[in-house]
Protein backbone atom coordinates (compact mmCIF):
# COMPACT_ATOMS: atom_id res chain seq x y z
CA MET A 1 -18.36 -5.46 -49.51
CA THR A 2 -15.75 -6.69 -47.47
CA GLU A 3 -14.88 -10.17 -47.48
CA ILE A 4 -14.45 -12.12 -44.29
CA HIS A 5 -12.96 -15.54 -43.72
CA VAL A 6 -12.62 -17.47 -40.80
CA VAL A 7 -10.25 -20.14 -41.32
CA ASP A 8 -11.69 -23.58 -40.40
CA ASN A 9 -8.70 -25.89 -39.83
CA ALA A 10 -8.02 -28.48 -36.65
CA LEU A 11 -4.65 -26.99 -36.61
CA VAL A 12 -5.86 -23.32 -36.39
CA THR A 13 -8.44 -24.56 -33.72
CA GLU A 14 -5.66 -26.34 -31.50
CA ARG A 15 -3.16 -23.35 -31.63
CA VAL A 16 -5.83 -20.71 -31.03
CA THR A 17 -7.01 -22.88 -27.91
CA ARG A 18 -3.14 -22.80 -26.49
CA LEU A 19 -2.77 -19.24 -27.28
CA ARG A 20 -6.01 -18.28 -25.17
CA ASP A 21 -4.72 -20.58 -22.06
CA ALA A 22 -3.59 -18.14 -19.34
CA SER A 23 -1.03 -20.77 -18.44
CA THR A 24 0.89 -20.18 -21.93
CA PRO A 25 4.07 -18.88 -21.16
CA ASN A 26 5.16 -15.97 -23.43
CA HIS A 27 7.99 -18.02 -25.22
CA GLU A 28 5.32 -20.14 -26.42
CA PHE A 29 2.61 -17.86 -26.87
CA ARG A 30 5.02 -16.27 -29.32
CA GLN A 31 5.75 -19.20 -31.28
CA LEU A 32 2.20 -20.35 -31.67
CA LEU A 33 1.18 -16.60 -32.65
CA ARG A 34 3.97 -16.98 -35.44
CA ASP A 35 2.64 -20.44 -36.43
CA LEU A 36 -0.84 -19.12 -36.71
CA SER A 37 0.21 -15.98 -38.84
CA SER A 38 1.90 -18.53 -41.19
CA ILE A 39 -1.64 -20.47 -41.78
CA LEU A 40 -3.62 -16.82 -42.23
CA VAL A 41 -0.83 -14.99 -44.37
CA TYR A 42 -0.85 -18.32 -46.72
CA GLU A 43 -4.69 -18.30 -46.93
CA ALA A 44 -4.93 -14.30 -47.55
CA MET A 45 -2.51 -14.68 -50.48
CA ARG A 46 -5.03 -17.14 -51.91
CA GLN A 47 -6.12 -14.06 -54.31
CA ALA A 48 -2.97 -12.43 -54.91
CA PRO A 49 -2.41 -11.78 -58.84
CA LEU A 50 0.29 -14.24 -60.82
CA VAL A 51 1.74 -13.77 -63.68
CA PRO A 52 3.03 -16.93 -66.06
CA VAL A 53 6.88 -17.66 -66.20
CA ASP A 54 9.02 -20.21 -68.11
CA ILE A 55 10.95 -22.19 -66.32
CA THR A 56 13.15 -25.62 -67.14
CA THR A 57 12.48 -28.38 -64.75
CA PRO A 58 15.18 -31.63 -64.92
CA MET A 59 12.76 -33.14 -67.18
CA GLY A 60 12.53 -30.02 -69.72
CA PRO A 61 10.60 -26.63 -70.29
CA ALA A 62 7.31 -25.69 -68.17
CA VAL A 63 5.26 -22.76 -67.53
CA GLY A 64 4.70 -21.70 -63.99
CA ALA A 65 3.56 -18.63 -62.20
CA ARG A 66 5.15 -16.04 -59.59
CA LEU A 67 3.69 -13.24 -57.91
CA GLU A 68 2.55 -10.11 -60.65
CA ARG A 69 3.63 -7.63 -57.23
CA LEU A 70 4.77 -8.26 -53.81
CA PRO A 71 2.10 -6.62 -51.32
CA VAL A 72 3.41 -4.12 -48.93
CA VAL A 73 3.08 -5.50 -45.30
CA VAL A 74 1.73 -3.44 -42.14
CA PRO A 75 2.19 -4.58 -38.72
CA VAL A 76 0.45 -2.36 -36.27
CA LEU A 77 2.49 -1.72 -33.36
CA ARG A 78 3.44 -3.45 -30.84
CA ALA A 79 1.45 -6.77 -31.10
CA GLY A 80 1.88 -6.94 -34.72
CA LEU A 81 5.70 -7.57 -34.56
CA GLY A 82 4.76 -11.24 -33.40
CA MET A 83 3.29 -12.09 -37.08
CA LEU A 84 5.97 -10.12 -38.95
CA ASP A 85 8.66 -12.75 -39.36
CA ALA A 86 5.86 -15.70 -40.50
CA ALA A 87 4.76 -13.23 -43.36
CA LEU A 88 8.73 -12.47 -44.32
CA GLU A 89 8.64 -16.08 -44.37
CA LEU A 90 6.76 -16.98 -46.89
CA LEU A 91 6.65 -13.41 -48.91
CA GLY A 92 10.47 -13.06 -49.06
CA ASP A 93 12.02 -9.43 -49.71
CA VAL A 94 8.58 -7.44 -49.28
CA GLU A 95 8.67 -3.58 -48.01
CA VAL A 96 7.63 -3.14 -44.52
CA ALA A 97 5.92 -0.46 -43.09
CA PHE A 98 5.25 0.08 -39.42
CA VAL A 99 1.96 1.71 -37.98
CA GLY A 100 2.09 2.58 -34.12
CA LEU A 101 -1.22 2.91 -32.93
CA ARG A 102 -2.20 3.26 -28.96
CA ARG A 103 -5.60 2.76 -27.66
CA ASN A 104 -7.08 5.48 -25.06
CA GLU A 105 -8.60 2.80 -22.65
CA SER A 106 -11.13 5.36 -21.73
CA THR A 107 -12.62 6.65 -25.23
CA LEU A 108 -11.20 3.35 -26.69
CA VAL A 109 -9.83 5.62 -29.64
CA ALA A 110 -6.80 4.62 -31.32
CA ARG A 111 -4.17 7.27 -31.58
CA GLU A 112 -0.96 7.18 -34.23
CA TYR A 113 1.90 7.89 -32.84
CA ALA A 114 4.13 6.42 -35.53
CA SER A 115 3.88 5.78 -39.30
CA THR A 116 6.70 4.43 -41.76
CA LEU A 117 4.07 4.21 -44.48
CA PRO A 118 5.65 5.72 -47.83
CA ASP A 119 3.82 8.80 -49.30
CA SER A 120 2.57 6.73 -52.04
CA LEU A 121 2.03 2.77 -52.46
CA ASP A 122 1.03 3.10 -56.29
CA GLY A 123 -1.30 0.51 -56.17
CA ARG A 124 0.16 -2.08 -54.15
CA ASP A 125 -1.50 -4.49 -52.41
CA ALA A 126 -1.22 -4.39 -48.38
CA LEU A 127 -1.38 -6.52 -45.81
CA ILE A 128 -2.07 -5.48 -42.33
CA LEU A 129 -1.01 -7.61 -39.23
CA ASP A 130 -2.86 -7.42 -36.09
CA PRO A 131 -3.58 -9.98 -33.72
CA MET A 132 -6.61 -8.63 -31.96
CA LEU A 133 -9.74 -7.13 -34.05
CA ALA A 134 -11.33 -5.69 -31.47
CA THR A 135 -13.28 -2.40 -31.58
CA GLY A 136 -11.90 -2.08 -34.95
CA GLY A 137 -10.78 1.18 -34.64
CA SER A 138 -6.91 0.38 -35.11
CA CYS A 139 -7.58 -1.75 -38.37
CA VAL A 140 -9.72 1.35 -39.84
CA HIS A 141 -7.00 3.73 -39.26
CA ALA A 142 -4.33 1.45 -40.75
CA CYS A 143 -7.01 1.23 -43.67
CA GLU A 144 -7.57 4.90 -43.63
CA LEU A 145 -3.64 5.45 -44.22
CA LEU A 146 -3.46 2.93 -47.02
CA ARG A 147 -6.23 4.26 -48.80
CA SER A 148 -4.69 7.70 -48.42
CA ALA A 149 -1.29 6.29 -49.84
CA GLY A 150 -2.93 5.03 -52.81
CA ALA A 151 -2.89 0.85 -51.60
CA GLY A 152 -4.68 -1.65 -54.20
CA ARG A 153 -6.18 -4.26 -52.18
CA VAL A 154 -6.12 -3.76 -48.63
CA THR A 155 -6.48 -7.11 -46.60
CA ALA A 156 -6.13 -7.25 -42.96
CA VAL A 157 -4.66 -10.74 -41.32
CA CYS A 158 -6.00 -10.83 -37.52
CA VAL A 159 -5.95 -13.63 -35.20
CA ILE A 160 -8.87 -13.25 -33.24
CA ALA A 161 -11.74 -11.03 -33.70
CA ALA A 162 -14.97 -9.69 -32.29
CA PRO A 163 -18.49 -9.12 -34.22
CA GLU A 164 -18.40 -5.33 -33.13
CA GLY A 165 -15.04 -5.05 -34.70
CA VAL A 166 -15.97 -6.86 -37.67
CA GLN A 167 -18.87 -5.18 -38.34
CA ARG A 168 -17.09 -1.76 -37.98
CA VAL A 169 -14.73 -2.56 -40.72
CA ARG A 170 -17.32 -3.77 -42.84
CA GLU A 171 -18.91 -0.35 -42.59
CA SER A 172 -16.10 1.79 -43.21
CA GLY A 173 -15.82 0.15 -46.62
CA LEU A 174 -11.99 0.10 -46.25
CA ALA A 175 -10.75 -3.46 -46.24
CA ASP A 176 -11.35 -5.86 -49.03
CA ALA A 177 -10.85 -8.67 -46.92
CA VAL A 178 -10.21 -9.67 -43.39
CA TRP A 179 -8.58 -13.00 -42.56
CA VAL A 180 -9.24 -14.45 -39.06
CA ALA A 181 -8.44 -17.78 -37.22
CA ALA A 182 -11.49 -17.30 -34.66
CA MET A 183 -14.63 -14.93 -34.57
CA ASP A 184 -15.37 -14.46 -30.76
CA GLU A 185 -18.71 -13.34 -28.75
CA SER A 186 -18.46 -9.74 -27.79
CA LEU A 187 -16.41 -7.34 -26.15
CA ASP A 188 -16.39 -6.14 -22.70
CA SER A 189 -16.84 -2.90 -21.40
CA ASN A 190 -13.10 -2.24 -21.48
CA GLY A 191 -13.31 -2.90 -25.35
CA PHE A 192 -11.37 -6.55 -24.94
CA ILE A 193 -12.69 -9.44 -26.67
CA LEU A 194 -14.41 -11.97 -24.84
CA PRO A 195 -13.28 -15.09 -24.69
CA GLY A 196 -10.30 -13.65 -26.25
CA LEU A 197 -6.68 -14.01 -24.84
CA GLY A 198 -6.08 -10.89 -23.06
CA ASP A 199 -3.50 -8.44 -24.53
CA ALA A 200 -1.72 -9.78 -27.19
CA GLY A 201 1.06 -7.31 -26.46
CA ASP A 202 1.76 -7.95 -23.10
CA ARG A 203 1.54 -11.64 -23.43
CA GLN A 204 4.39 -11.56 -26.16
CA TYR A 205 6.70 -8.94 -24.27
CA ASN A 206 6.06 -8.88 -20.77
CA PRO A 207 6.66 -11.93 -18.41
CA SER A 208 4.02 -12.49 -15.53
């Protein structure tokens, strides 16, 4: 059963509002996406397994914890690139594997054009980074690649989601969890999220 988590936080709501605004310039959009990604990845790592570690504080010995095994981070190109730096800042020296997916605007089916996933993940957890969970096709395809490579826990980190996309991911049974900043109303006839924020890739990289 896929767990669906919507982050309920005033800072998230404020930044999502500014992210949606059509008047927000590209450079500010990128910063807002980075801020939201940091919050979402932070939340998505709540269930990451820890192992105890002995340390010495200025006052003496103590027992702390470290991550048992770092996840592989999988940004979905191109929009997912805007979430990557925030994940790297939080997680440090993690492996990054890129998945390039392009949606056919007539059929709304995602087609893979690039993948740097290793042949075997040997049970490592994975974080998929993709700002928009619309039809769910890209997320499901990325999950399929990760499962084929032997991933452990698979978590999708998205900013905006549509109910249709969430349902498709749930029905696939391929993701263990989805973390989002906002759950929107629906998709339009072209597969865009309503009210959404438009094309996340264009709003990062194509000045209007």
